[in-house]
Amino acid sequence: MPITAFLEDNARKFGGDCALVEVNPEMRTGSAPWSEAELVESDRHPGYRKTLTWAEFDEQTNRFANLLLRRGVKKGDKVAILLMNCIEWLPVYFGTLKAGAIAVPLNFRYASDEIRYCLDLADASVLVFGAEFITRMEAIQNEIPKLKLQLFVGEACPRFAEDCLALAAECSAQKPAVAIGDEDDGAIYFSSGTTGFPKAILHSHAALVSACVTEQAHHGQTKDDVFLCIPPLYHTGAKMHWFGSLLVGGRAVLLRGATPRWIMETASREKASIVWLLVPWAQDILDAIDSGEIKPDELDLSAWRLMHIGAQPVPPSLVKRWQSVFPSHAYDTNYGLSESLGPGAVHLGVENVRKVGAIGVAGHCWQARIVDEGGVDVTPGQVGELAVKGPGVMRCYYKDEEATAAVLRGDWLFTGDMARQDEEGFIYLVDRKKDVIITGGENLYPVQIEDFLRAHPKIKDVAVIGLPDHRLGEIACAIIEIKPDQSATEGEIMEFCAALPRYKRPRRIVFDVVPRNPTGKIEKPRLRKKYVGESLVEQQIKE
């Protein structure tokens, strides 16, 4: 059964119920908190809140699918999606699937050359894009020969595209007669690019369905739950967490913007019960509460039952701090990667909050191992590479047999993440395999040092990278972002680090902004380029 069947089932059973809400605070005038009178879209604040029922969602999906078919799109063709989070995003995605085509979500941070690269790599013949990307698309119009159709979502359609919504409105609202099977290709997602230029990751329809089942099993979504979705929909993380709501017909709220105030006021106004945050957003919310900018007792957060964090290692100190402010919130974290179709391959579980700091155990329908360089399981406590096996493992890196062979060994996906397992079987992420710093023959795992430093009350964020050193090969450098209202000295940080074993202490401290991509991952390649300038190997050879 394809994932589109869940949408159709919800349209039959809950047709008049709200499925999607888009909240765009930038469209709202004034700075006062939202009032009850603003719970619906009004002339005072046009466009800040849009809604779709399940029936409307399915109808728009069918119209877009029929538009693609009318314009010659065939089963297996690639349809790229380059949109900011908006209420049209998911109907476009599901319409692509209903047409038998392969959905190709694109990172909205991509520059023109990256868009061109990904469109070419994925063999995309159709692109759906929004107003924010007109300039970027104009720059590459003569460099995308594979693209046969460009559909624009928004007002003032550019000359090189066609009006997507107007064309779709003229198409049939009936389900298209295209047979879709579990083993058909469904989507291509791109790796985050933190380990190099993005790779195209091919997934089947069966994998998409498995994400629904795994997510709902982990977090127990019901029809009454409201999921507040803040991260970008192009990434597997946000969408796969929403898949749990899709399975049961629950409502989702798409928030355009991630300021602490917007998150908390939207959670209050929309009665959100499940909120997925990234580490920086959770930290910012807590800082805003500490400063008095946000007063939780002035908001209605009674429906909020679960706060979970993913996409990056979570500092235990952050979770403890959150629970001291929101003791009624269950907490969870999930581990996954785009190659495993997002979160859920490893799962902590709300019942295991005592294990905060671990990423958990193998998720629902998943298996996990930690192995040495030879692929042999290591003993508990030893560090090795995390490998996972389950129904969401990718088919391949599209058009890249060599890269595929490097990570797929039989049914097992070798993640490139270094981890250890305790005596109870809980897995702790240590670091990316390639991020290990070898200093004087000792392996340093930056995540361990980063977690330690984040407990400092003045530190907002931190990233640890290796710098070349003539004697030791590499040394650990901590790039530290101090909270806006604080100041600190190198000596103060070094004194704090005295609690670490000597060999784990950073040898250099740099005060700077820590860059993160839209899914919350630290952009260490950017930091290496800034502070190393070239690869460590090249530097060491010169030394």
Protein backbone atom coordinates (compact mmCIF):
# COMPACT_ATOMS: atom_id res chain seq x y z
CA MET A 1 0.00 0.00 0.00
CA PRO A 2 1.56 3.35 -1.00
CA ILE A 3 1.73 6.24 1.43
CA THR A 4 -0.82 8.16 -0.65
CA ALA A 5 -3.45 5.67 0.53
CA PHE A 6 -3.22 7.13 4.06
CA LEU A 7 -4.12 10.56 2.70
CA GLU A 8 -7.06 9.15 0.76
CA ASP A 9 -8.27 7.23 3.81
CA ASN A 10 -8.14 10.37 5.96
CA ALA A 11 -10.08 12.29 3.31
CA ARG A 12 -12.82 9.64 3.44
CA LYS A 13 -12.99 9.39 7.23
CA PHE A 14 -12.17 12.94 8.34
CA GLY A 15 -12.87 14.99 5.22
CA GLY A 16 -14.11 18.13 6.97
CA ASP A 17 -11.50 18.08 9.74
CA CYS A 18 -8.47 20.34 9.60
CA ALA A 19 -5.36 18.56 8.29
CA LEU A 20 -2.86 21.38 7.79
CA VAL A 21 -2.39 24.88 9.14
CA GLU A 22 0.22 27.33 7.89
CA VAL A 23 1.17 30.10 10.30
CA ASN A 24 3.32 32.92 8.96
CA PRO A 25 3.90 35.47 11.74
CA GLU A 26 5.67 37.84 9.35
CA MET A 27 2.32 38.43 7.66
CA ARG A 28 0.84 39.66 10.89
CA THR A 29 0.95 43.33 11.88
CA GLY A 30 1.72 44.62 15.34
CA SER A 31 3.71 43.05 18.16
CA ALA A 32 1.07 42.29 20.78
CA PRO A 33 0.39 38.63 21.64
CA TRP A 34 -2.30 36.92 19.59
CA SER A 35 -5.82 37.25 20.91
CA GLU A 36 -8.62 34.72 20.72
CA ALA A 37 -10.20 36.84 17.97
CA GLU A 38 -7.19 36.10 15.78
CA LEU A 39 -7.64 32.35 15.84
CA VAL A 40 -8.95 32.52 12.29
CA GLU A 41 -7.64 34.38 9.26
CA SER A 42 -8.89 37.95 9.23
CA ASP A 43 -8.77 41.09 7.14
CA ARG A 44 -6.48 42.63 9.75
CA HIS A 45 -3.81 39.99 9.19
CA PRO A 46 -4.42 38.48 5.75
CA GLY A 47 -2.38 35.41 4.91
CA TYR A 48 -0.85 34.78 8.32
CA ARG A 49 -2.97 31.68 8.94
CA LYS A 50 -4.15 29.31 6.20
CA THR A 51 -5.86 25.94 6.57
CA LEU A 52 -6.67 22.82 4.59
CA THR A 53 -9.12 20.08 5.50
CA TRP A 54 -8.25 16.46 4.72
CA ALA A 55 -10.70 16.54 1.80
CA GLU A 56 -9.13 19.74 0.41
CA PHE A 57 -5.65 18.32 0.91
CA ASP A 58 -6.51 15.20 -1.10
CA GLU A 59 -8.30 17.23 -3.77
CA GLN A 60 -5.34 19.56 -4.28
CA THR A 61 -3.05 16.54 -4.42
CA ASN A 62 -5.17 14.96 -7.16
CA ARG A 63 -5.30 18.18 -9.17
CA PHE A 64 -1.53 18.55 -9.09
CA ALA A 65 -1.03 14.89 -10.03
CA ASN A 66 -3.37 15.30 -13.00
CA LEU A 67 -1.54 18.47 -14.04
CA LEU A 68 1.71 16.55 -14.19
CA LEU A 69 0.11 13.77 -16.22
CA ARG A 70 -1.50 16.28 -18.58
CA ARG A 71 1.93 17.80 -19.21
CA GLY A 72 3.48 14.47 -20.13
CA VAL A 73 5.05 13.38 -16.85
CA LYS A 74 5.42 9.61 -16.78
CA LYS A 75 5.90 7.08 -14.04
CA GLY A 76 9.44 7.31 -12.71
CA ASP A 77 10.04 10.90 -13.87
CA LYS A 78 11.63 13.21 -11.29
CA VAL A 79 9.78 16.27 -9.93
CA ALA A 80 11.93 18.63 -7.85
CA ILE A 81 10.36 20.77 -5.11
CA LEU A 82 12.03 24.05 -4.12
CA LEU A 83 9.65 25.74 -1.69
CA MET A 84 9.80 27.29 1.72
CA ASN A 85 7.53 25.63 4.26
CA CYS A 86 4.02 26.47 3.08
CA ILE A 87 0.59 24.91 2.85
CA GLU A 88 1.18 24.00 -0.82
CA TRP A 89 4.31 21.95 -0.07
CA LEU A 90 2.68 18.67 0.97
CA PRO A 91 -0.02 18.63 -1.76
CA VAL A 92 2.76 19.09 -4.33
CA TYR A 93 4.76 16.25 -2.73
CA PHE A 94 1.82 13.85 -2.56
CA GLY A 95 0.59 14.88 -6.01
CA THR A 96 3.98 13.93 -7.40
CA LEU A 97 3.69 10.52 -5.78
CA LYS A 98 0.11 10.00 -7.04
CA ALA A 99 1.31 10.71 -10.57
CA GLY A 100 3.79 7.86 -10.19
CA ALA A 101 6.68 10.32 -10.33
CA ILE A 102 9.58 10.56 -7.90
CA ALA A 103 9.56 13.52 -5.51
CA VAL A 104 12.89 15.36 -5.21
CA PRO A 105 12.82 17.91 -2.35
CA LEU A 106 15.58 20.55 -2.54
CA ASN A 107 17.22 22.45 0.29
CA PHE A 108 15.91 26.03 0.25
CA ARG A 109 19.37 27.26 1.28
CA TYR A 110 20.93 26.05 -1.96
CA ALA A 111 22.68 28.65 -4.10
CA SER A 112 22.11 28.64 -7.86
CA ASP A 113 25.04 26.32 -8.59
CA GLU A 114 23.85 23.82 -5.98
CA ILE A 115 20.31 23.87 -7.40
CA ARG A 116 21.72 23.24 -10.86
CA TYR A 117 23.93 20.42 -9.57
CA CYS A 118 21.07 18.65 -7.75
CA LEU A 119 18.60 19.03 -10.61
CA ASP A 120 21.14 17.48 -12.96
CA LEU A 121 22.18 14.69 -10.60
CA ALA A 122 18.55 13.68 -9.96
CA ASP A 123 17.60 13.90 -13.68
CA ALA A 124 14.70 16.19 -12.72
CA SER A 125 12.41 17.07 -15.62
CA VAL A 126 10.00 19.23 -13.59
CA LEU A 127 10.66 21.87 -10.94
CA VAL A 128 8.09 23.44 -8.61
CA PHE A 129 9.48 26.58 -6.97
CA GLY A 130 8.41 29.63 -5.00
CA ALA A 131 8.96 33.38 -5.17
CA GLU A 132 12.03 33.29 -2.95
CA PHE A 133 13.94 31.42 -5.67
CA ILE A 134 13.20 33.50 -8.79
CA THR A 135 16.59 35.20 -8.81
CA ARG A 136 18.46 31.96 -8.21
CA MET A 137 16.56 30.22 -11.02
CA GLU A 138 17.03 33.12 -13.43
CA ALA A 139 20.79 32.74 -13.05
CA ILE A 140 20.81 29.14 -14.33
CA GLN A 141 18.13 29.14 -17.02
CA ASN A 142 20.67 28.31 -19.72
CA GLU A 143 22.30 25.55 -17.66
CA ILE A 144 19.42 23.14 -16.91
CA PRO A 145 18.65 21.36 -20.21
CA LYS A 146 17.01 18.35 -18.53
CA LEU A 147 14.29 20.55 -17.03
CA LYS A 148 11.25 20.51 -19.33
CA LEU A 149 8.69 22.23 -17.09
CA GLN A 150 8.98 24.90 -14.40
CA LEU A 151 5.93 25.51 -12.23
CA PHE A 152 5.72 28.56 -10.01
CA VAL A 153 3.85 28.78 -6.69
CA GLY A 154 3.01 32.37 -5.77
CA GLU A 155 2.08 35.71 -7.29
CA ALA A 156 3.78 37.41 -10.27
CA CYS A 157 4.89 34.30 -12.12
CA PRO A 158 8.26 34.84 -13.86
CA ARG A 159 8.45 34.64 -17.67
CA PHE A 160 10.38 31.35 -17.69
CA ALA A 161 7.77 29.46 -15.60
CA GLU A 162 4.07 28.67 -15.55
CA ASP A 163 1.51 29.34 -12.83
CA CYS A 164 1.24 26.08 -10.91
CA LEU A 165 -1.87 26.80 -8.85
CA ALA A 166 -3.84 28.28 -11.76
CA LEU A 167 -3.05 25.32 -13.99
CA ALA A 168 -3.82 22.77 -11.28
CA ALA A 169 -7.19 24.41 -10.58
CA GLU A 170 -8.24 23.54 -14.13
CA CYS A 171 -7.42 19.84 -13.68
CA SER A 172 -9.60 17.01 -12.42
CA ALA A 173 -9.96 16.49 -8.67
CA GLN A 174 -10.37 12.76 -9.18
CA LYS A 175 -7.64 10.31 -8.23
CA PRO A 176 -5.42 9.64 -11.25
CA ALA A 177 -5.42 6.10 -12.67
CA VAL A 178 -1.76 5.37 -11.97
CA ALA A 179 -0.82 2.12 -10.28
CA ILE A 180 1.77 2.57 -7.51
CA GLY A 181 3.40 -0.38 -5.77
CA ASP A 182 5.43 -0.68 -2.59
CA GLU A 183 8.60 -1.43 -4.54
CA ASP A 184 8.26 1.54 -6.87
CA ASP A 185 10.74 4.37 -6.39
CA GLY A 186 9.14 7.18 -4.39
CA ALA A 187 11.58 9.93 -3.47
CA ILE A 188 15.10 11.23 -3.79
CA TYR A 189 16.47 13.13 -0.82
CA PHE A 190 19.82 14.86 -0.72
CA SER A 191 22.37 14.39 2.02
CA SER A 192 22.88 17.47 4.18
CA GLY A 193 26.18 18.35 2.56
CA THR A 194 28.06 18.49 5.88
CA THR A 195 30.35 15.74 4.56
CA GLY A 196 30.83 17.17 1.07
CA PHE A 197 28.63 17.98 -1.94
CA PRO A 198 25.13 16.47 -1.56
CA LYS A 199 24.49 12.89 -2.63
CA ALA A 200 21.11 11.85 -4.11
CA ILE A 201 19.47 9.23 -1.90
CA LEU A 202 16.82 7.03 -3.53
CA HIS A 203 13.95 5.59 -1.47
CA SER A 204 11.00 3.32 -2.28
CA HIS A 205 7.32 3.79 -1.48
CA ALA A 206 7.63 0.97 1.05
CA ALA A 207 10.29 2.95 2.89
CA LEU A 208 7.99 5.98 3.08
CA VAL A 209 5.23 3.84 4.57
CA SER A 210 7.65 2.33 7.08
CA ALA A 211 8.49 5.82 8.34
CA CYS A 212 4.81 6.37 9.17
CA VAL A 213 4.61 3.13 11.11
CA THR A 214 7.86 3.65 13.01
CA GLU A 215 7.09 7.23 13.98
CA GLN A 216 3.57 6.48 15.22
CA ALA A 217 4.83 3.48 17.21
CA HIS A 218 7.42 5.67 18.93
CA HIS A 219 5.26 8.65 19.86
CA GLY A 220 1.75 7.27 19.97
CA GLN A 221 0.08 9.95 17.88
CA THR A 222 -3.70 9.97 17.97
CA LYS A 223 -6.31 11.82 15.96
CA ASP A 224 -6.45 14.44 18.73
CA ASP A 225 -2.74 15.30 18.66
CA VAL A 226 -1.53 18.53 17.06
CA PHE A 227 2.01 18.43 15.71
CA LEU A 228 3.88 21.74 15.49
CA CYS A 229 6.25 21.43 12.53
CA ILE A 230 9.02 24.03 12.43
CA PRO A 231 12.01 22.46 10.59
CA PRO A 232 12.10 22.53 6.77
CA LEU A 233 9.86 20.06 4.96
CA TYR A 234 12.51 19.32 2.34
CA HIS A 235 14.43 17.37 4.99
CA THR A 236 13.46 13.87 6.05
CA GLY A 237 13.36 14.80 9.74
CA ALA A 238 10.37 17.13 9.86
CA LYS A 239 8.28 15.29 7.31
CA MET A 240 8.87 11.83 8.73
CA HIS A 241 7.80 13.00 12.18
CA TRP A 242 4.64 14.41 10.58
CA PHE A 243 4.09 11.01 8.95
CA GLY A 244 2.99 9.73 12.37
CA SER A 245 0.16 12.29 12.28
CA LEU A 246 -0.70 11.32 8.71
CA LEU A 247 -1.18 7.73 9.80
CA VAL A 248 -3.90 8.66 12.32
CA GLY A 249 -5.39 11.80 10.76
CA GLY A 250 -3.91 14.24 13.26
CA ARG A 251 -3.51 17.94 12.55
CA ALA A 252 -0.18 19.57 11.68
CA VAL A 253 0.78 23.22 12.05
CA LEU A 254 3.51 24.48 9.72
CA LEU A 255 5.25 27.44 11.35
CA ARG A 256 7.24 29.74 9.08
CA GLY A 257 9.90 31.05 11.40
CA ALA A 258 11.68 29.83 14.51
CA THR A 259 11.98 32.71 16.97
CA PRO A 260 11.29 31.69 20.59
CA ARG A 261 8.24 33.92 20.79
CA TRP A 262 6.72 32.63 17.55
CA ILE A 263 7.24 29.02 18.60
CA MET A 264 5.75 29.43 22.05
CA GLU A 265 2.82 31.63 21.01
CA THR A 266 1.95 29.29 18.15
CA ALA A 267 2.14 26.26 20.45
CA SER A 268 -0.24 28.08 22.78
CA ARG A 269 -2.66 29.35 20.16
CA GLU A 270 -2.84 26.14 18.14
CA LYS A 271 -2.95 23.89 21.23
CA ALA A 272 0.08 21.91 20.05
CA SER A 273 0.61 18.63 21.84
CA ILE A 274 3.83 17.49 20.10
CA VAL A 275 6.69 19.85 19.27
CA TRP A 276 9.92 18.80 17.62
CA LEU A 277 12.78 21.22 18.26
CA LEU A 278 16.40 21.57 17.28
CA VAL A 279 18.97 22.16 20.00
CA PRO A 280 19.48 25.89 19.25
CA TRP A 281 15.74 26.56 19.32
CA ALA A 282 15.30 24.84 22.68
CA GLN A 283 18.24 26.79 24.08
CA ASP A 284 16.85 30.07 22.73
CA ILE A 285 13.42 29.36 24.25
CA LEU A 286 14.93 28.67 27.67
CA ASP A 287 17.11 31.78 27.44
CA ALA A 288 14.05 33.87 26.50
CA ILE A 289 12.20 32.48 29.52
CA ASP A 290 15.17 33.22 31.79
CA SER A 291 15.34 36.82 30.52
CA GLY A 292 11.61 37.36 30.97
CA GLU A 293 10.98 37.86 27.27
CA ILE A 294 8.65 34.84 27.37
CA LYS A 295 6.39 34.15 30.35
CA PRO A 296 5.06 30.57 30.14
CA ASP A 297 2.33 31.25 32.70
CA GLU A 298 0.80 33.77 30.28
CA LEU A 299 0.45 31.09 27.59
CA ASP A 300 -1.86 28.09 27.33
CA LEU A 301 0.54 25.20 27.01
CA SER A 302 -1.72 22.66 28.68
CA ALA A 303 -2.01 20.50 25.56
CA TRP A 304 1.76 20.15 25.09
CA ARG A 305 2.67 16.59 26.09
CA LEU A 306 5.88 15.79 24.19
CA MET A 307 9.04 17.73 23.35
CA HIS A 308 11.53 15.85 21.28
CA ILE A 309 14.81 16.79 19.66
CA GLY A 310 16.65 15.21 16.78
CA ALA A 311 19.07 15.85 13.89
CA GLN A 312 22.07 16.28 16.21
CA PRO A 313 23.49 15.11 19.54
CA VAL A 314 21.53 16.54 22.44
CA PRO A 315 23.43 17.86 25.49
CA PRO A 316 22.06 16.22 28.66
CA SER A 317 22.34 19.58 30.42
CA LEU A 318 19.81 21.04 27.96
CA VAL A 319 17.24 18.31 28.64
CA LYS A 320 17.62 18.70 32.40
CA ARG A 321 17.21 22.43 32.08
CA TRP A 322 14.08 22.00 29.92
CA GLN A 323 12.50 19.57 32.35
CA SER A 324 13.13 21.91 35.25
CA VAL A 325 11.00 24.52 33.42
CA PHE A 326 8.48 22.10 31.88
CA PRO A 327 8.28 19.11 34.24
CA SER A 328 5.06 17.81 32.64
CA HIS A 329 6.65 17.37 29.19
CA ALA A 330 7.71 13.92 28.12
CA TYR A 331 11.08 14.00 26.37
CA ASP A 332 12.38 11.88 23.54
CA THR A 333 15.13 11.86 20.96
CA ASN A 334 15.51 9.93 17.73
CA TYR A 335 18.50 9.15 15.59
CA GLY A 336 18.49 8.72 11.86
CA LEU A 337 19.91 10.03 8.63
CA SER A 338 18.55 10.70 5.18
CA GLU A 339 19.92 7.32 4.08
CA SER A 340 17.61 5.70 6.66
CA LEU A 341 14.73 8.00 5.70
CA GLY A 342 15.11 10.24 8.68
CA PRO A 343 14.57 9.68 12.40
CA GLY A 344 13.61 6.42 14.04
CA ALA A 345 16.42 4.00 13.25
CA VAL A 346 17.49 4.47 16.87
CA HIS A 347 15.06 5.73 19.47
CA LEU A 348 15.44 6.69 23.14
CA GLY A 349 11.80 6.32 24.21
CA VAL A 350 9.90 8.58 26.57
CA GLU A 351 10.11 5.92 29.27
CA ASN A 352 13.91 6.09 29.26
CA VAL A 353 14.50 9.68 30.31
CA ARG A 354 16.98 8.35 32.89
CA LYS A 355 19.21 7.63 29.89
CA VAL A 356 19.35 11.21 28.65
CA GLY A 357 22.54 11.54 26.66
CA ALA A 358 21.97 8.27 24.82
CA ILE A 359 20.33 8.21 21.40
CA GLY A 360 18.56 5.04 22.49
CA VAL A 361 18.11 1.52 21.20
CA ALA A 362 17.11 0.16 17.80
CA GLY A 363 13.81 1.72 16.75
CA HIS A 364 10.53 0.01 15.87
CA CYS A 365 11.23 -2.45 13.00
CA TRP A 366 14.96 -1.63 13.12
CA GLN A 367 18.18 -3.36 14.17
CA ALA A 368 21.45 -1.71 15.20
CA ARG A 369 25.06 -2.84 15.63
CA ILE A 370 28.35 -1.19 16.59
CA VAL A 371 31.26 -2.66 14.68
CA ASP A 372 35.01 -2.30 14.28
CA GLU A 373 36.90 -1.61 11.06
CA GLY A 374 36.50 -5.24 10.03
CA GLY A 375 32.73 -5.22 10.52
CA VAL A 376 32.89 -7.28 13.72
CA ASP A 377 30.65 -6.31 16.65
CA VAL A 378 32.57 -4.57 19.43
CA THR A 379 31.98 -5.26 23.11
CA PRO A 380 29.89 -2.89 25.27
CA GLY A 381 31.78 0.27 26.10
CA GLN A 382 34.03 0.14 23.06
CA VAL A 383 33.74 2.75 20.31
CA GLY A 384 32.88 1.56 16.81
CA GLU A 385 30.86 2.51 13.77
CA LEU A 386 27.08 2.43 14.06
CA ALA A 387 25.32 0.27 11.46
CA VAL A 388 21.52 0.00 11.12
CA LYS A 389 19.16 -2.31 9.30
CA GLY A 390 15.48 -1.74 8.66
CA PRO A 391 12.72 -1.03 6.17
CA GLY A 392 13.78 2.61 5.67
CA VAL A 393 17.28 1.91 4.40
CA MET A 394 17.88 3.61 1.07
CA ARG A 395 18.00 1.75 -2.21
CA CYS A 396 21.20 3.48 -3.26
CA TYR A 397 22.94 6.73 -3.89
CA TYR A 398 21.38 7.54 -7.23
CA LYS A 399 23.91 7.14 -10.07
CA ASP A 400 26.79 6.54 -7.63
CA GLU A 401 27.64 2.85 -7.31
CA GLU A 402 30.96 3.48 -5.60
CA ALA A 403 29.47 5.61 -2.83
CA THR A 404 26.62 3.12 -2.41
CA ALA A 405 29.02 0.20 -2.02
CA ALA A 406 30.94 2.13 0.63
CA VAL A 407 27.95 2.31 3.01
CA LEU A 408 25.64 -0.60 2.08
CA ARG A 409 26.86 -4.05 3.03
CA GLY A 410 24.03 -6.45 2.40
CA ASP A 411 21.00 -5.09 4.24
CA TRP A 412 23.12 -3.06 6.65
CA LEU A 413 23.70 0.68 6.33
CA PHE A 414 27.04 1.81 7.76
CA THR A 415 26.31 5.30 9.02
CA GLY A 416 29.77 6.78 9.43
CA ASP A 417 28.84 7.72 12.99
CA MET A 418 31.00 6.52 15.86
CA ALA A 419 29.10 5.21 18.87
CA ARG A 420 29.33 3.03 21.94
CA GLN A 421 26.80 0.86 23.74
CA ASP A 422 26.37 0.50 27.48
CA GLU A 423 25.65 -2.70 29.39
CA GLU A 424 21.88 -2.16 29.02
CA GLY A 425 22.14 -1.85 25.26
CA PHE A 426 21.67 1.93 25.03
CA ILE A 427 23.66 3.59 22.27
CA TYR A 428 25.61 6.80 22.77
CA LEU A 429 26.68 8.79 19.73
CA VAL A 430 30.31 9.77 19.96
CA ASP A 431 31.03 11.53 16.68
CA ARG A 432 31.16 11.39 12.93
CA LYS A 433 33.83 8.90 11.89
CA LYS A 434 35.59 11.54 9.82
CA ASP A 435 35.44 14.08 12.66
CA VAL A 436 37.59 12.05 15.03
CA ILE A 437 40.60 14.13 16.08
CA ILE A 438 43.80 12.12 16.47
CA THR A 439 46.13 13.99 18.77
CA GLY A 440 49.39 12.39 19.80
CA GLY A 441 47.95 8.97 18.98
CA GLU A 442 44.83 9.50 21.13
CA ASN A 443 41.35 9.63 19.57
CA LEU A 444 39.31 12.64 20.60
CA TYR A 445 35.58 12.66 19.88
CA PRO A 446 34.44 16.29 19.51
CA VAL A 447 30.84 15.62 20.60
CA GLN A 448 32.07 14.63 24.07
CA ILE A 449 33.96 17.90 24.45
CA GLU A 450 31.07 19.91 22.98
CA ASP A 451 28.58 18.38 25.42
CA PHE A 452 30.89 19.23 28.31
CA LEU A 453 31.35 22.84 27.21
CA ARG A 454 27.64 23.44 26.62
CA ALA A 455 27.09 23.02 30.36
CA HIS A 456 28.94 26.32 30.91
CA PRO A 457 26.26 28.92 31.76
CA LYS A 458 27.70 31.56 29.42
CA ILE A 459 28.03 29.34 26.34
CA LYS A 460 25.24 29.37 23.77
CA ASP A 461 26.81 26.95 21.28
CA VAL A 462 30.11 25.24 20.59
CA ALA A 463 31.85 23.28 17.86
CA VAL A 464 35.12 21.41 18.22
CA ILE A 465 37.35 20.81 15.19
CA GLY A 466 40.89 19.58 14.66
CA LEU A 467 43.69 21.99 13.80
CA PRO A 468 47.05 20.83 12.43
CA ASP A 469 49.92 20.62 14.92
CA HIS A 470 53.54 19.86 14.06
CA ARG A 471 54.14 17.71 17.14
CA LEU A 472 50.78 16.08 17.85
CA GLY A 473 49.34 15.87 14.33
CA GLU A 474 46.13 17.58 15.42
CA ILE A 475 44.90 19.54 18.38
CA ALA A 476 41.33 20.23 19.47
CA CYS A 477 40.05 23.75 18.84
CA ALA A 478 36.77 24.87 20.44
CA ILE A 479 34.81 27.50 18.52
CA ILE A 480 32.56 29.01 21.16
CA GLU A 481 29.51 31.21 20.72
CA ILE A 482 28.77 33.16 23.89
CA LYS A 483 25.21 34.11 24.86
CA PRO A 484 24.33 37.65 23.69
CA ASP A 485 24.17 39.12 27.19
CA GLN A 486 27.35 37.46 28.44
CA SER A 487 31.11 37.78 28.04
CA ALA A 488 33.91 35.33 28.73
CA THR A 489 37.66 35.06 28.41
CA GLU A 490 39.84 32.27 27.09
CA GLY A 491 41.26 31.82 30.56
CA GLU A 492 37.79 31.40 32.04
CA ILE A 493 36.94 28.68 29.51
CA MET A 494 40.25 26.92 30.02
CA GLU A 495 39.68 26.94 33.76
CA PHE A 496 36.25 25.37 33.23
CA CYS A 497 37.85 22.67 31.04
CA ALA A 498 40.19 21.68 33.88
CA ALA A 499 37.50 19.17 34.87
CA LEU A 500 38.15 17.27 31.63
CA PRO A 501 40.93 14.70 31.34
CA ARG A 502 44.03 16.57 30.21
CA TYR A 503 44.19 14.96 26.76
CA LYS A 504 40.55 15.95 26.04
CA ARG A 505 40.97 19.62 26.84
CA PRO A 506 40.87 21.93 23.83
CA ARG A 507 44.28 23.44 23.15
CA ARG A 508 42.81 26.50 21.48
CA ILE A 509 39.71 28.62 22.16
CA VAL A 510 38.09 30.80 19.49
CA PHE A 511 35.09 33.04 20.11
CA ASP A 512 32.88 33.07 17.02
CA VAL A 513 29.39 32.24 15.74
CA VAL A 514 28.77 28.50 15.34
CA PRO A 515 27.15 27.97 11.92
CA ARG A 516 24.40 25.39 11.61
CA ASN A 517 22.44 24.22 8.58
CA PRO A 518 18.59 24.35 8.51
CA THR A 519 18.35 20.90 10.14
CA GLY A 520 20.51 21.98 13.07
CA LYS A 521 23.76 20.24 12.18
CA ILE A 522 26.97 22.15 12.81
CA GLU A 523 28.56 23.09 9.50
CA LYS A 524 32.03 21.90 10.36
CA PRO A 525 33.30 22.04 6.76
CA ARG A 526 32.72 25.81 6.89
CA LEU A 527 34.64 26.07 10.14
CA ARG A 528 37.48 23.95 8.80
CA LYS A 529 37.69 26.09 5.70
CA LYS A 530 37.75 29.23 7.82
CA TYR A 531 40.31 28.10 10.39
CA VAL A 532 42.33 25.50 8.48
CA GLY A 533 41.91 26.70 4.91
CA GLU A 534 42.64 23.27 3.43
CA SER A 535 42.47 19.67 4.53
CA LEU A 536 44.31 18.61 7.66
CA VAL A 537 46.17 15.99 5.64
CA GLU A 538 47.48 18.67 3.28
CA GLN A 539 48.51 20.82 6.21
CA GLN A 540 50.26 17.92 7.94
CA ILE A 541 52.14 17.01 4.77
CA LYS A 542 53.44 20.58 4.58
CA GLU A 543 54.49 20.42 8.21
